[in-house]
PDB file of N, CA and C in Angstrom:
ATOM      1  N   VAL A   1      10.537  -2.871  32.914  1.00  0.00           N
ATOM      2  CA  VAL A   1       9.365  -3.681  32.068  1.00  0.00           C
ATOM      3  C   VAL A   1      10.366  -3.331  30.287  1.00  0.00           C
ATOM      4  N   VAL A   2       9.612  -1.645  30.571  1.00  0.00           N
ATOM      5  CA  VAL A   2       9.961  -0.756  29.730  1.00  0.00           C
ATOM      6  C   VAL A   2      11.577  -0.885  28.965  1.00  0.00           C
ATOM      7  N   PHE A   3      12.068  -0.732  30.327  1.00  0.00           N
ATOM      8  CA  PHE A   3      13.659  -0.557  29.367  1.00  0.00           C
ATOM      9  C   PHE A   3      14.515  -2.114  29.513  1.00  0.00           C
ATOM     10  N   LEU A   4      13.773  -2.829  29.649  1.00  0.00           N
ATOM     11  CA  LEU A   4      14.070  -4.069  29.673  1.00  0.00           C
ATOM     12  C   LEU A   4      15.027  -4.651  28.370  1.00  0.00           C
ATOM     13  N   PRO A   5      14.423  -4.719  26.502  1.00  0.00           N
ATOM     14  CA  PRO A   5      15.000  -4.517  25.532  1.00  0.00           C
ATOM     15  C   PRO A   5      15.850  -4.378  25.693  1.00  0.00           C
ATOM     16  N   GLN A   6      15.648  -2.866  25.855  1.00  0.00           N
ATOM     17  CA  GLN A   6      17.495  -1.544  25.219  1.00  0.00           C
ATOM     18  C   GLN A   6      18.447  -2.421  25.658  1.00  0.00           C
ATOM     19  N   LEU A   7      18.060  -2.665  27.420  1.00  0.00           N
ATOM     20  CA  LEU A   7      18.986  -3.028  28.167  1.00  0.00           C
ATOM     21  C   LEU A   7      19.683  -4.364  27.596  1.00  0.00           C
ATOM     22  N   ILE A   8      18.662  -5.137  27.002  1.00  0.00           N
ATOM     23  CA  ILE A   8      19.686  -6.503  26.678  1.00  0.00           C
ATOM     24  C   ILE A   8      20.598  -6.790  25.277  1.00  0.00           C
ATOM     25  N   TYR A   9      19.625  -5.340  24.065  1.00  0.00           N
ATOM     26  CA  TYR A   9      20.634  -5.080  22.859  1.00  0.00           C
ATOM     27  C   TYR A   9      21.974  -4.556  23.231  1.00  0.00           C
ATOM     28  N   LEU A  10      21.864  -3.988  24.176  1.00  0.00           N
ATOM     29  CA  LEU A  10      23.285  -2.180  23.982  1.00  0.00           C
ATOM     30  C   LEU A  10      24.162  -3.659  24.450  1.00  0.00           C
ATOM     31  N   GLY A  11      23.223  -4.298  25.903  1.00  0.00           N
ATOM     32  CA  GLY A  11      24.539  -5.218  26.437  1.00  0.00           C
ATOM     33  C   GLY A  11      25.213  -6.124  25.550  1.00  0.00           C
ATOM     34  N   LEU A  12      24.076  -6.348  24.586  1.00  0.00           N
ATOM     35  CA  LEU A  12      24.970  -7.772  23.463  1.00  0.00           C
ATOM     36  C   LEU A  12      25.406  -7.341  22.566  1.00  0.00           C
ATOM     37  N   LEU A  13      25.340  -6.138  22.340  1.00  0.00           N
ATOM     38  CA  LEU A  13      25.899  -5.155  20.806  1.00  0.00           C
ATOM     39  C   LEU A  13      27.075  -4.818  21.875  1.00  0.00           C
ATOM     40  N   THR A  14      27.553  -4.569  23.158  1.00  0.00           N
ATOM     41  CA  THR A  14      28.304  -3.931  23.552  1.00  0.00           C
ATOM     42  C   THR A  14      29.452  -5.741  23.545  1.00  0.00           C
ATOM     43  N   ALA A  15      28.950  -6.983  24.068  1.00  0.00           N
ATOM     44  CA  ALA A  15      29.543  -7.982  23.879  1.00  0.00           C
ATOM     45  C   ALA A  15      30.245  -8.442  22.939  1.00  0.00           C
ATOM     46  N   SER A  16      29.044  -8.322  22.095  1.00  0.00           N
ATOM     47  CA  SER A  16      29.905  -8.582  19.808  1.00  0.00           C
ATOM     48  C   SER A  16      30.640  -8.025  19.691  1.00  0.00           C
ATOM     49  N   LEU A  17      30.339  -6.452  20.391  1.00  0.00           N
ATOM     50  CA  LEU A  17      31.662  -5.626  19.371  1.00  0.00           C
ATOM     51  C   LEU A  17      33.112  -6.459  20.035  1.00  0.00           C
ATOM     52  N   ASN A  18      33.201  -6.347  21.396  1.00  0.00           N
ATOM     53  CA  ASN A  18      34.085  -7.002  22.239  1.00  0.00           C
ATOM     54  C   ASN A  18      34.719  -7.895  22.152  1.00  0.00           C
ATOM     55  N   LEU A  19      33.981  -9.138  21.165  1.00  0.00           N
ATOM     56  CA  LEU A  19      34.210 -10.060  20.970  1.00  0.00           C
ATOM     57  C   LEU A  19      35.040 -10.307  19.445  1.00  0.00           C
ATOM     58  N   GLY A  20      34.396  -9.252  18.605  1.00  0.00           N
ATOM     59  CA  GLY A  20      34.797  -9.241  17.882  1.00  0.00           C
ATOM     60  C   GLY A  20      36.177  -8.040  18.038  1.00  0.00           C
ATOM     61  N   ALA A  21      36.441  -6.944  18.451  1.00  0.00           N
ATOM     62  CA  ALA A  21      37.791  -6.982  18.764  1.00  0.00           C
ATOM     63  C   ALA A  21      38.683  -8.008  19.530  1.00  0.00           C
ATOM     64  N   ALA A  22      38.172  -8.963  20.045  1.00  0.00           N
ATOM     65  CA  ALA A  22      39.399  -9.758  20.263  1.00  0.00           C
ATOM     66  C   ALA A  22      40.034 -10.530  19.352  1.00  0.00           C
ATOM     67  N   ALA A  23      39.042 -10.895  18.074  1.00  0.00           N
ATOM     68  CA  ALA A  23      38.776 -11.823  17.036  1.00  0.00           C
ATOM     69  C   ALA A  23      40.199 -11.088  16.576  1.00  0.00           C
ATOM     70  N   ALA A  24      39.861  -9.751  15.375  1.00  0.00           N
ATOM     71  CA  ALA A  24      40.619  -9.314  15.101  1.00  0.00           C
ATOM     72  C   ALA A  24      41.723  -8.723  15.642  1.00  0.00           C
ATOM     73  N   ASP A  25      41.784  -8.875  17.427  1.00  0.00           N
ATOM     74  CA  ASP A  25      43.492  -9.181  17.986  1.00  0.00           C
ATOM     75  C   ASP A  25      44.412  -9.755  17.207  1.00  0.00           C
ATOM     76  N   THR A  26      43.507 -11.307  17.278  1.00  0.00           N
ATOM     77  CA  THR A  26      43.404 -12.090  16.884  1.00  0.00           C
ATOM     78  C   THR A  26      44.288 -12.421  15.659  1.00  0.00           C
ATOM     79  N   LEU A  27      43.254 -12.036  14.723  1.00  0.00           N
ATOM     80  CA  LEU A  27      44.258 -12.218  13.179  1.00  0.00           C
ATOM     81  C   LEU A  27      45.422 -11.001  12.368  1.00  0.00           C
ATOM     82  N   SER A  28      45.587 -10.189  14.279  1.00  0.00           N
ATOM     83  CA  SER A  28      46.677  -9.117  13.820  1.00  0.00           C
ATOM     84  C   SER A  28      45.877  -7.764  12.855  1.00  0.00           C
ATOM     85  N   GLU A  29      44.848  -7.321  12.553  1.00  0.00           N
ATOM     86  CA  GLU A  29      44.381  -6.448  12.347  1.00  0.00           C
ATOM     87  C   GLU A  29      43.689  -4.931  13.798  1.00  0.00           C
ATOM     88  N   SER A  30      44.750  -4.222  13.570  1.00  0.00           N
ATOM     89  CA  SER A  30      44.886  -3.321  14.949  1.00  0.00           C
ATOM     90  C   SER A  30      43.635  -2.336  14.275  1.00  0.00           C
ATOM     91  N   GLY A  31      43.543  -1.958  13.036  1.00  0.00           N
ATOM     92  CA  GLY A  31      42.676  -0.927  12.533  1.00  0.00           C
ATOM     93  C   GLY A  31      40.942  -1.127  12.901  1.00  0.00           C
ATOM     94  N   PRO A  32      40.623  -2.104  11.882  1.00  0.00           N
ATOM     95  CA  PRO A  32      39.296  -2.870  12.655  1.00  0.00           C
ATOM     96  C   PRO A  32      39.052  -2.892  14.213  1.00  0.00           C
ATOM     97  N   ALA A  33      39.846  -4.018  14.774  1.00  0.00           N
ATOM     98  CA  ALA A  33      40.186  -4.127  16.375  1.00  0.00           C
ATOM     99  C   ALA A  33      39.363  -2.379  16.725  1.00  0.00           C
ATOM    100  N   GLU A  34      40.649  -1.453  16.976  1.00  0.00           N
ATOM    101  CA  GLU A  34      40.346  -0.280  17.260  1.00  0.00           C
ATOM    102  C   GLU A  34      39.166   0.650  17.445  1.00  0.00           C
ATOM    103  N   VAL A  35      38.430   0.387  15.642  1.00  0.00           N
ATOM    104  CA  VAL A  35      36.876   1.044  15.876  1.00  0.00           C
ATOM    105  C   VAL A  35      36.242  -0.039  16.492  1.00  0.00           C
ATOM    106  N   MET A  36      36.242  -0.877  16.582  1.00  0.00           N
ATOM    107  CA  MET A  36      35.196  -1.973  17.931  1.00  0.00           C
ATOM    108  C   MET A  36      35.346  -1.956  18.648  1.00  0.00           C
ATOM    109  N   ARG A  37      36.832  -1.397  19.597  1.00  0.00           N
ATOM    110  CA  ARG A  37      37.385  -0.932  21.039  1.00  0.00           C
ATOM    111  C   ARG A  37      36.155   0.357  21.236  1.00  0.00           C
ATOM    112  N   VAL A  38      36.831   1.258  20.307  1.00  0.00           N
ATOM    113  CA  VAL A  38      35.664   2.704  20.505  1.00  0.00           C
ATOM    114  C   VAL A  38      34.103   2.773  20.677  1.00  0.00           C
ATOM    115  N   SER A  39      33.952   1.884  19.338  1.00  0.00           N
ATOM    116  CA  SER A  39      32.757   1.735  19.080  1.00  0.00           C
ATOM    117  C   SER A  39      31.797   1.210  20.581  1.00  0.00           C
ATOM    118  N   SER A  40      32.258  -0.004  21.240  1.00  0.00           N
ATOM    119  CA  SER A  40      32.581  -0.726  22.291  1.00  0.00           C
ATOM    120  C   SER A  40      32.204   0.649  23.757  1.00  0.00           C
ATOM    121  N   ALA A  41      33.530   1.509  23.630  1.00  0.00           N
ATOM    122  CA  ALA A  41      33.191   2.185  25.045  1.00  0.00           C
ATOM    123  C   ALA A  41      31.902   2.946  23.947  1.00  0.00           C
ATOM    124  N   ALA A  42      32.128   3.646  23.317  1.00  0.00           N
ATOM    125  CA  ALA A  42      30.513   4.661  22.859  1.00  0.00           C
ATOM    126  C   ALA A  42      28.563   3.443  23.801  1.00  0.00           C
ATOM    127  N   VAL A  43      28.794   2.698  22.995  1.00  0.00           N
ATOM    128  CA  VAL A  43      27.512   0.949  23.092  1.00  0.00           C
ATOM    129  C   VAL A  43      27.955   1.715  25.065  1.00  0.00           C
ATOM    130  N   SER A  44      28.675   1.160  25.653  1.00  0.00           N
ATOM    131  CA  SER A  44      28.620   1.107  26.904  1.00  0.00           C
ATOM    132  C   SER A  44      28.460   2.560  27.502  1.00  0.00           C
ATOM    133  N   ILE A  45      28.806   3.915  27.273  1.00  0.00           N
ATOM    134  CA  ILE A  45      28.506   5.048  27.843  1.00  0.00           C
ATOM    135  C   ILE A  45      27.288   4.619  27.298  1.00  0.00           C
ATOM    136  N   MET A  46      26.087   4.790  26.412  1.00  0.00           N
ATOM    137  CA  MET A  46      24.875   4.107  25.492  1.00  0.00           C
ATOM    138  C   MET A  46      24.235   4.161  26.523  1.00  0.00           C
ATOM    139  N   LEU A  47      25.303   2.700  27.351  1.00  0.00           N
ATOM    140  CA  LEU A  47      23.419   2.018  28.090  1.00  0.00           C
ATOM    141  C   LEU A  47      24.346   2.301  29.466  1.00  0.00           C
ATOM    142  N   SER A  48      25.395   3.323  30.432  1.00  0.00           N
ATOM    143  CA  SER A  48      24.844   3.399  31.657  1.00  0.00           C
ATOM    144  C   SER A  48      24.157   4.903  31.680  1.00  0.00           C
ATOM    145  N   VAL A  49      24.410   5.639  30.790  1.00  0.00           N
ATOM    146  CA  VAL A  49      23.243   6.858  30.320  1.00  0.00           C
ATOM    147  C   VAL A  49      21.681   5.806  30.097  1.00  0.00           C
ATOM    148  N   LEU A  50      20.760   4.989  29.895  1.00  0.00           N
ATOM    149  CA  LEU A  50      19.749   4.376  29.583  1.00  0.00           C
ATOM    150  C   LEU A  50      19.555   3.701  31.412  1.00  0.00           C
ATOM    151  N   ILE A  51      20.610   2.936  31.848  1.00  0.00           N
ATOM    152  CA  ILE A  51      20.570   2.819  33.236  1.00  0.00           C
ATOM    153  C   ILE A  51      19.938   3.930  34.153  1.00  0.00           C
ATOM    154  N   CYS A  52      20.990   4.709  33.638  1.00  0.00           N
ATOM    155  CA  CYS A  52      20.657   5.861  34.992  1.00  0.00           C
ATOM    156  C   CYS A  52      19.378   6.294  34.992  1.00  0.00           C
ATOM    157  N   TYR A  53      19.054   6.878  33.131  1.00  0.00           N
ATOM    158  CA  TYR A  53      17.641   7.269  32.529  1.00  0.00           C
ATOM    159  C   TYR A  53      16.222   6.442  33.452  1.00  0.00           C
ATOM    160  N   ALA A  54      16.582   4.790  32.906  1.00  0.00           N
ATOM    161  CA  ALA A  54      15.679   4.589  34.540  1.00  0.00           C
ATOM    162  C   ALA A  54      15.400   4.241  35.448  1.00  0.00           C
ATOM    163  N   VAL A  55      17.111   4.561  36.400  1.00  0.00           N
ATOM    164  CA  VAL A  55      16.804   4.541  38.032  1.00  0.00           C
ATOM    165  C   VAL A  55      15.891   5.752  38.235  1.00  0.00           C
ATOM    166  N   MET A  56      16.384   7.076  37.227  1.00  0.00           N
ATOM    167  CA  MET A  56      15.568   8.551  37.975  1.00  0.00           C
ATOM    168  C   MET A  56      14.129   8.119  37.272  1.00  0.00           C
ATOM    169  N   ILE A  57      13.565   6.939  36.326  1.00  0.00           N
ATOM    170  CA  ILE A  57      12.528   6.495  36.084  1.00  0.00           C
ATOM    171  C   ILE A  57      11.354   6.585  37.727  1.00  0.00           C
ATOM    172  N   LEU A  58      12.108   5.545  37.692  1.00  0.00           N
ATOM    173  CA  LEU A  58      11.688   4.670  38.559  1.00  0.00           C
ATOM    174  C   LEU A  58      11.434   5.204  40.719  1.00  0.00           C
ATOM    175  N   GLY A  59      12.596   6.052  40.262  1.00  0.00           N
ATOM    176  CA  GLY A  59      12.309   6.638  41.995  1.00  0.00           C
ATOM    177  C   GLY A  59      11.489   7.996  40.895  1.00  0.00           C
ATOM    178  N   ALA A  60      11.566   8.583  40.415  1.00  0.00           N
ATOM    179  CA  ALA A  60       9.811   9.983  40.232  1.00  0.00           C
ATOM    180  C   ALA A  60       9.098   9.051  40.183  1.00  0.00           C
ATOM    181  N   LEU A  61       8.167   7.710  39.396  1.00  0.00           N
ATOM    182  CA  LEU A  61       7.595   7.327  40.089  1.00  0.00           C
ATOM    183  C   LEU A  61       7.341   6.960  41.278  1.00  0.00           C
ATOM    184  N   ALA A  62       8.239   6.341  41.871  1.00  0.00           N
ATOM    185  CA  ALA A  62       8.067   6.161  43.685  1.00  0.00           C
ATOM    186  C   ALA A  62       7.261   7.541  44.516  1.00  0.00           C
ATOM    187  N   MET A  63       8.277   8.258  44.199  1.00  0.00           N
ATOM    188  CA  MET A  63       7.261  10.198  44.578  1.00  0.00           C
ATOM    189  C   MET A  63       6.185  10.174  43.905  1.00  0.00           C
ATOM    190  N   VAL A  64       5.724   9.679  42.555  1.00  0.00           N
ATOM    191  CA  VAL A  64       4.922  10.508  42.212  1.00  0.00           C
ATOM    192  C   VAL A  64       3.800   9.682  43.062  1.00  0.00           C
ATOM    193  N   LEU A  65       3.908   7.916  43.055  1.00  0.00           N
ATOM    194  CA  LEU A  65       2.906   6.938  44.363  1.00  0.00           C
ATOM    195  C   LEU A  65       2.641   7.426  45.712  1.00  0.00           C
ATOM    196  N   LEU A  66       4.242   6.756  45.951  1.00  0.00           N
ATOM    197  CA  LEU A  66       4.188   8.230  47.380  1.00  0.00           C
ATOM    198  C   LEU A  66       3.391   9.261  48.127  1.00  0.00           C
ATOM    199  N   ALA A  67       3.698  10.246  46.934  1.00  0.00           N
ATOM    200  CA  ALA A  67       2.512  11.601  47.293  1.00  0.00           C
ATOM    201  C   ALA A  67       1.044  11.512  47.179  1.00  0.00           C
ATOM    202  N   GLY A  68       0.753  10.392  46.318  1.00  0.00           N
ATOM    203  CA  GLY A  68      -0.589  10.461  46.004  1.00  0.00           C
ATOM    204  C   GLY A  68      -1.048   9.872  46.871  1.00  0.00           C
ATOM    205  N   SER A  69      -0.186   9.055  47.636  1.00  0.00           N
ATOM    206  CA  SER A  69      -1.230   7.617  48.817  1.00  0.00           C
ATOM    207  C   SER A  69      -1.662   8.652  50.138  1.00  0.00           C
TER     208      SER A  69
END
């Protein structure tokens, strides 16, 4: 639940950057389209790091709960 707002935000940001790049390609604007594609790739990396961190936190929490029982 803690990571859900950030996951949604980064997912929507990636989608909007991809849509913007597609729109810029449609209008034959290669410069802005490339910037949006690179930005989308960077946001995708941030999203994957956040997912890995969330899985790590959940695993550590599960280990602590199992060790405490």
